[in-house]
Amino acid sequence: MQPMQPNYMAYDRTIVVFSPDGRLLQVEYARQAVKRGNTVVGLKTKDAVILGATRASAPLLENGSHKKIFEIDEHVGLVSSGLLADARDIIEMARVKSQINRLTYNEKISISTLMKYIAGNIHLVTQYAGVRPYGIGIILGGVDDKPRLFETDPSGTLIEWKAQSIGKGSEKAKKVLEKKYKGNMKIEEAVKLALKALKSGEKTLPVENIELAVITADKFKKYTQKEIAKYL
């Protein structure tokens, strides 16, 4: 983001005012929160979606209390970079929407429908005064008729990917994904690639700072530290 000039000061005080060159400055500031967040990755194989994330750790931190990857339903998961408090709001919203779909239609919600709903709500808060954008980027993946992987940012822009990374180490992680990713990879290969991408974006990455999940059509599996250590 370019440095803000003095004449831009009047345009960054509310979300609903465009700057003269067509920028919503509060949205751009929110994107900086995503860029400063922990590195996360997502990639899809023929039959599954793999989500990975780095996280902070501390000697006295209760194990499992600081999560980055969340199960939304048995066939869909979410990982975020940025403000975790903002992410919790979106996670709750997505879980409720998913369960309403099951009760109403007696079937699992499609990944694209769920992501459009999330992106729509993120975009909604960029249109009204008195609110601020969500300071998170989201990668959501799952399997309905096939594996799907989506990303959205604080503007509510929705993009589908084969593999993607966001967060502070994303540039290095994306280079690894671009070089090594293959759509016909087996799950084991994709897990190794996700870990390699995460490690490339961090100076040091002990096993306790890694989260990993594999999502298939009927199962959300979160890996334990012992399982992750085997790959490392």
Protein backbone atom coordinates (compact mmCIF):
# COMPACT_ATOMS: atom_id res chain seq x y z
CA MET A 1 0.00 0.00 0.00
CA GLN A 2 1.31 3.44 -0.93
CA PRO A 3 2.02 5.96 1.88
CA MET A 4 -1.02 8.10 2.59
CA GLN A 5 -0.65 11.70 1.47
CA PRO A 6 -1.91 14.54 3.71
CA ASN A 7 -4.85 15.23 1.39
CA TYR A 8 -6.05 11.65 1.95
CA MET A 9 -6.71 12.27 5.64
CA ALA A 10 -10.34 13.17 5.02
CA TYR A 11 -10.98 9.87 3.23
CA ASP A 12 -9.81 7.36 5.82
CA ARG A 13 -12.15 8.35 8.64
CA THR A 14 -15.15 6.40 7.38
CA ILE A 15 -15.55 3.22 5.41
CA VAL A 16 -18.15 4.57 2.97
CA VAL A 17 -16.12 7.39 1.35
CA PHE A 18 -13.98 6.70 -1.70
CA SER A 19 -10.70 8.57 -2.11
CA PRO A 20 -10.30 10.58 -5.36
CA ASP A 21 -8.43 7.66 -6.98
CA GLY A 22 -11.14 5.13 -6.08
CA ARG A 23 -9.72 3.56 -2.92
CA LEU A 24 -11.50 2.54 0.29
CA LEU A 25 -8.70 3.27 2.71
CA GLN A 26 -10.18 1.43 5.70
CA VAL A 27 -10.35 -1.75 3.61
CA GLU A 28 -6.72 -1.32 2.65
CA TYR A 29 -5.77 -0.89 6.29
CA ALA A 30 -7.66 -4.10 7.11
CA ARG A 31 -5.64 -5.93 4.45
CA GLN A 32 -2.50 -4.97 6.39
CA ALA A 33 -3.85 -6.93 9.37
CA VAL A 34 -4.04 -9.98 7.12
CA LYS A 35 -0.49 -9.47 5.83
CA ARG A 36 0.78 -9.28 9.43
CA GLY A 37 -1.05 -12.46 10.45
CA ASN A 38 0.37 -15.96 10.69
CA THR A 39 1.02 -17.87 7.48
CA VAL A 40 -1.76 -20.20 6.34
CA VAL A 41 -2.10 -22.41 3.27
CA GLY A 42 -4.77 -24.39 1.50
CA LEU A 43 -4.59 -26.80 -1.43
CA LYS A 44 -6.84 -29.38 -3.01
CA THR A 45 -6.21 -32.84 -4.41
CA LYS A 46 -8.44 -35.08 -6.47
CA ASP A 47 -10.37 -36.22 -3.40
CA ALA A 48 -9.56 -33.89 -0.51
CA VAL A 49 -8.63 -30.43 0.72
CA ILE A 50 -5.64 -29.78 2.98
CA LEU A 51 -5.52 -26.73 5.28
CA GLY A 52 -2.39 -25.73 7.18
CA ALA A 53 -1.51 -22.88 9.51
CA THR A 54 1.23 -21.54 11.73
CA ARG A 55 0.36 -20.22 15.16
CA ALA A 56 1.98 -18.56 18.15
CA SER A 57 3.01 -20.59 21.15
CA ALA A 58 4.05 -19.84 24.73
CA PRO A 59 5.32 -22.03 27.60
CA LEU A 60 2.19 -21.48 29.70
CA LEU A 61 -0.35 -21.58 26.84
CA GLU A 62 -2.97 -24.30 27.26
CA ASN A 63 -2.70 -26.71 24.34
CA GLY A 64 -5.57 -26.28 21.88
CA SER A 65 -6.74 -22.91 23.22
CA HIS A 66 -5.25 -20.93 20.33
CA LYS A 67 -6.57 -22.55 17.16
CA LYS A 68 -6.30 -21.36 13.57
CA ILE A 69 -8.15 -24.15 11.71
CA PHE A 70 -11.82 -24.75 12.46
CA GLU A 71 -14.34 -27.38 11.45
CA ILE A 72 -17.49 -25.81 10.02
CA ASP A 73 -19.19 -29.09 9.11
CA GLU A 74 -17.97 -32.63 8.53
CA HIS A 75 -17.13 -31.78 4.90
CA VAL A 76 -15.82 -28.22 5.22
CA GLY A 77 -13.15 -26.35 7.21
CA LEU A 78 -11.84 -22.81 7.53
CA VAL A 79 -8.47 -21.23 8.28
CA SER A 80 -7.85 -17.50 8.71
CA SER A 81 -5.03 -14.99 8.96
CA GLY A 82 -5.43 -11.69 10.79
CA LEU A 83 -7.51 -10.86 13.85
CA LEU A 84 -8.65 -14.10 15.48
CA ALA A 85 -11.52 -12.35 17.30
CA ASP A 86 -12.94 -11.29 13.92
CA ALA A 87 -12.51 -14.83 12.62
CA ARG A 88 -14.58 -16.28 15.47
CA ASP A 89 -17.55 -14.16 14.40
CA ILE A 90 -17.33 -15.51 10.84
CA ILE A 91 -16.83 -19.09 12.07
CA GLU A 92 -19.99 -18.94 14.18
CA MET A 93 -21.88 -17.40 11.26
CA ALA A 94 -20.71 -20.17 8.90
CA ARG A 95 -21.57 -22.97 11.34
CA VAL A 96 -25.09 -21.67 11.85
CA LYS A 97 -25.63 -21.29 8.09
CA SER A 98 -24.38 -24.84 7.52
CA GLN A 99 -26.72 -26.33 10.12
CA ILE A 100 -29.72 -24.35 8.87
CA ASN A 101 -29.10 -25.84 5.43
CA ARG A 102 -29.09 -29.36 6.88
CA LEU A 103 -32.34 -28.80 8.79
CA THR A 104 -34.06 -27.10 5.86
CA TYR A 105 -32.97 -29.30 2.94
CA ASN A 106 -31.72 -32.45 4.73
CA GLU A 107 -28.37 -32.21 2.93
CA LYS A 108 -24.91 -30.75 3.39
CA ILE A 109 -24.40 -27.17 2.26
CA SER A 110 -22.35 -26.74 -0.91
CA ILE A 111 -18.92 -25.16 -0.47
CA SER A 112 -19.61 -22.39 -2.99
CA THR A 113 -22.94 -21.47 -1.36
CA LEU A 114 -21.33 -21.23 2.07
CA MET A 115 -18.40 -19.15 0.81
CA LYS A 116 -20.68 -16.75 -1.08
CA TYR A 117 -22.63 -16.26 2.15
CA ILE A 118 -19.45 -15.54 4.13
CA ALA A 119 -18.04 -13.20 1.50
CA GLY A 120 -21.36 -11.38 1.28
CA ASN A 121 -21.38 -10.69 5.00
CA ILE A 122 -17.76 -9.53 4.94
CA HIS A 123 -18.57 -7.19 2.06
CA LEU A 124 -21.68 -5.89 3.82
CA VAL A 125 -19.70 -4.10 6.54
CA THR A 126 -17.79 -2.11 3.90
CA GLN A 127 -20.99 -0.34 2.87
CA TYR A 128 -22.21 1.27 6.10
CA ALA A 129 -20.87 4.04 8.29
CA GLY A 130 -20.24 3.23 11.94
CA VAL A 131 -18.70 -0.19 11.31
CA ARG A 132 -15.24 -1.35 10.30
CA PRO A 133 -14.09 -4.07 7.89
CA TYR A 134 -13.20 -7.50 9.19
CA GLY A 135 -9.44 -7.66 9.69
CA ILE A 136 -9.13 -11.20 8.35
CA GLY A 137 -8.38 -13.15 5.22
CA ILE A 138 -10.08 -16.55 4.96
CA ILE A 139 -9.30 -19.76 3.12
CA LEU A 140 -12.27 -22.12 3.15
CA GLY A 141 -12.15 -25.60 1.70
CA GLY A 142 -14.24 -28.72 1.53
CA VAL A 143 -15.68 -31.46 -0.60
CA ASP A 144 -19.22 -31.70 -1.97
CA ASP A 145 -19.39 -33.08 -5.51
CA LYS A 146 -15.67 -32.31 -5.79
CA PRO A 147 -12.97 -30.56 -3.71
CA ARG A 148 -13.33 -26.76 -3.63
CA LEU A 149 -10.99 -24.12 -2.22
CA PHE A 150 -11.94 -20.44 -1.84
CA GLU A 151 -10.34 -17.29 -0.47
CA THR A 152 -11.85 -13.99 0.57
CA ASP A 153 -10.26 -10.82 1.99
CA PRO A 154 -11.57 -7.80 3.98
CA SER A 155 -13.27 -6.40 0.86
CA GLY A 156 -15.40 -9.54 0.43
CA THR A 157 -13.77 -10.43 -2.90
CA LEU A 158 -14.26 -14.13 -3.64
CA ILE A 159 -11.70 -16.22 -5.56
CA GLU A 160 -11.43 -19.97 -6.11
CA TRP A 161 -7.97 -21.56 -6.09
CA LYS A 162 -6.18 -24.85 -6.62
CA ALA A 163 -3.70 -23.81 -3.92
CA GLN A 164 -3.25 -20.55 -2.02
CA SER A 165 -1.46 -18.95 0.92
CA ILE A 166 -2.10 -15.77 2.91
CA GLY A 167 -0.39 -14.13 5.85
CA LYS A 168 3.06 -12.76 6.52
CA GLY A 169 4.95 -15.63 4.90
CA SER A 170 2.59 -16.08 1.97
CA GLU A 171 4.91 -14.82 -0.77
CA LYS A 172 7.50 -17.52 -0.08
CA ALA A 173 4.82 -20.14 0.54
CA LYS A 174 3.13 -19.37 -2.80
CA LYS A 175 6.42 -19.83 -4.64
CA VAL A 176 6.68 -23.33 -3.19
CA LEU A 177 3.07 -24.11 -4.13
CA GLU A 178 3.49 -22.77 -7.66
CA LYS A 179 6.61 -24.88 -8.19
CA LYS A 180 5.49 -28.16 -6.62
CA TYR A 181 1.68 -28.29 -6.83
CA LYS A 182 0.03 -30.98 -8.97
CA GLY A 183 -3.70 -31.53 -9.16
CA ASN A 184 -3.42 -35.34 -9.11
CA MET A 185 -1.38 -35.49 -5.91
CA LYS A 186 -2.23 -38.05 -3.28
CA ILE A 187 -3.23 -36.80 0.17
CA GLU A 188 0.15 -37.77 1.66
CA GLU A 189 2.00 -35.76 -0.99
CA ALA A 190 -0.29 -32.76 -0.51
CA VAL A 191 0.24 -32.82 3.27
CA LYS A 192 4.02 -32.78 2.77
CA LEU A 193 3.71 -29.89 0.29
CA ALA A 194 1.53 -27.89 2.69
CA LEU A 195 4.11 -28.32 5.47
CA LYS A 196 6.94 -27.37 3.12
CA ALA A 197 5.09 -24.22 2.08
CA LEU A 198 4.44 -23.26 5.72
CA LYS A 199 8.09 -23.81 6.67
CA SER A 200 9.30 -21.67 3.75
CA GLY A 201 7.40 -18.67 5.10
CA GLU A 202 8.78 -18.86 8.65
CA LYS A 203 12.32 -18.56 10.03
CA THR A 204 11.74 -21.36 12.52
CA LEU A 205 8.71 -23.60 12.78
CA PRO A 206 8.58 -26.18 15.62
CA VAL A 207 5.89 -28.82 15.44
CA GLU A 208 3.86 -27.25 18.27
CA ASN A 209 3.39 -24.15 16.09
CA ILE A 210 1.75 -26.04 13.23
CA GLU A 211 -1.88 -26.95 12.60
CA LEU A 212 -2.98 -29.26 9.83
CA ALA A 213 -6.32 -30.66 8.70
CA VAL A 214 -7.47 -32.91 5.86
CA ILE A 215 -11.06 -32.69 4.67
CA THR A 216 -12.81 -35.35 2.59
CA ALA A 217 -16.46 -35.70 1.56
CA ASP A 218 -17.52 -37.14 4.92
CA LYS A 219 -14.72 -36.42 7.38
CA PHE A 220 -12.83 -33.49 8.87
CA LYS A 221 -9.56 -34.77 10.34
CA LYS A 222 -7.32 -32.56 12.48
CA TYR A 223 -3.78 -33.90 12.76
CA THR A 224 -2.14 -34.30 16.15
CA GLN A 225 1.36 -33.03 16.89
CA LYS A 226 2.69 -36.60 16.77
CA GLU A 227 1.18 -37.13 13.31
CA ILE A 228 2.62 -33.83 12.06
CA ALA A 229 6.04 -34.67 13.51
CA LYS A 230 6.19 -37.83 11.37
CA TYR A 231 6.01 -35.71 8.22
CA LEU A 232 8.56 -33.21 9.47
